[in-house]
Amino acid sequence: MPTPLFRQLYAGLREAILSTGLHVVGWLPPRRGDRLASQHIQRQGVDTPPLSAYHLAPPQRSGLVLGYAGVEPQAIRTAVEHIARALS
């Protein structure tokens, strides 16, 4: 049975994780189009929306939105391998 200290530490850890967000941006090299990169990655079975899809005007940098909420660590590793293959 969890102790009060364990519960307190877990609550703090949970809050820290949730406050960091559920997505990160994977920046692309200059002049690499995020829409085309996203399409290549989609063909590998990984959904990485282009950052430009969230902007009203073209963003200054190209990037991909990488969601990790509810994804197991091994699935993240596999997705990263697919992304690397699609972008190489």
Foldseek 3Di string as FASTA:
>chain_A
DDDPVRVVVVVVVVVVVVVVDFKDKAFDPPPDAQCVLQVLLVVLVDHWDWPCVVDPDGDPTTITIGGDPPNDPVRVVVSVVSSVVSVD
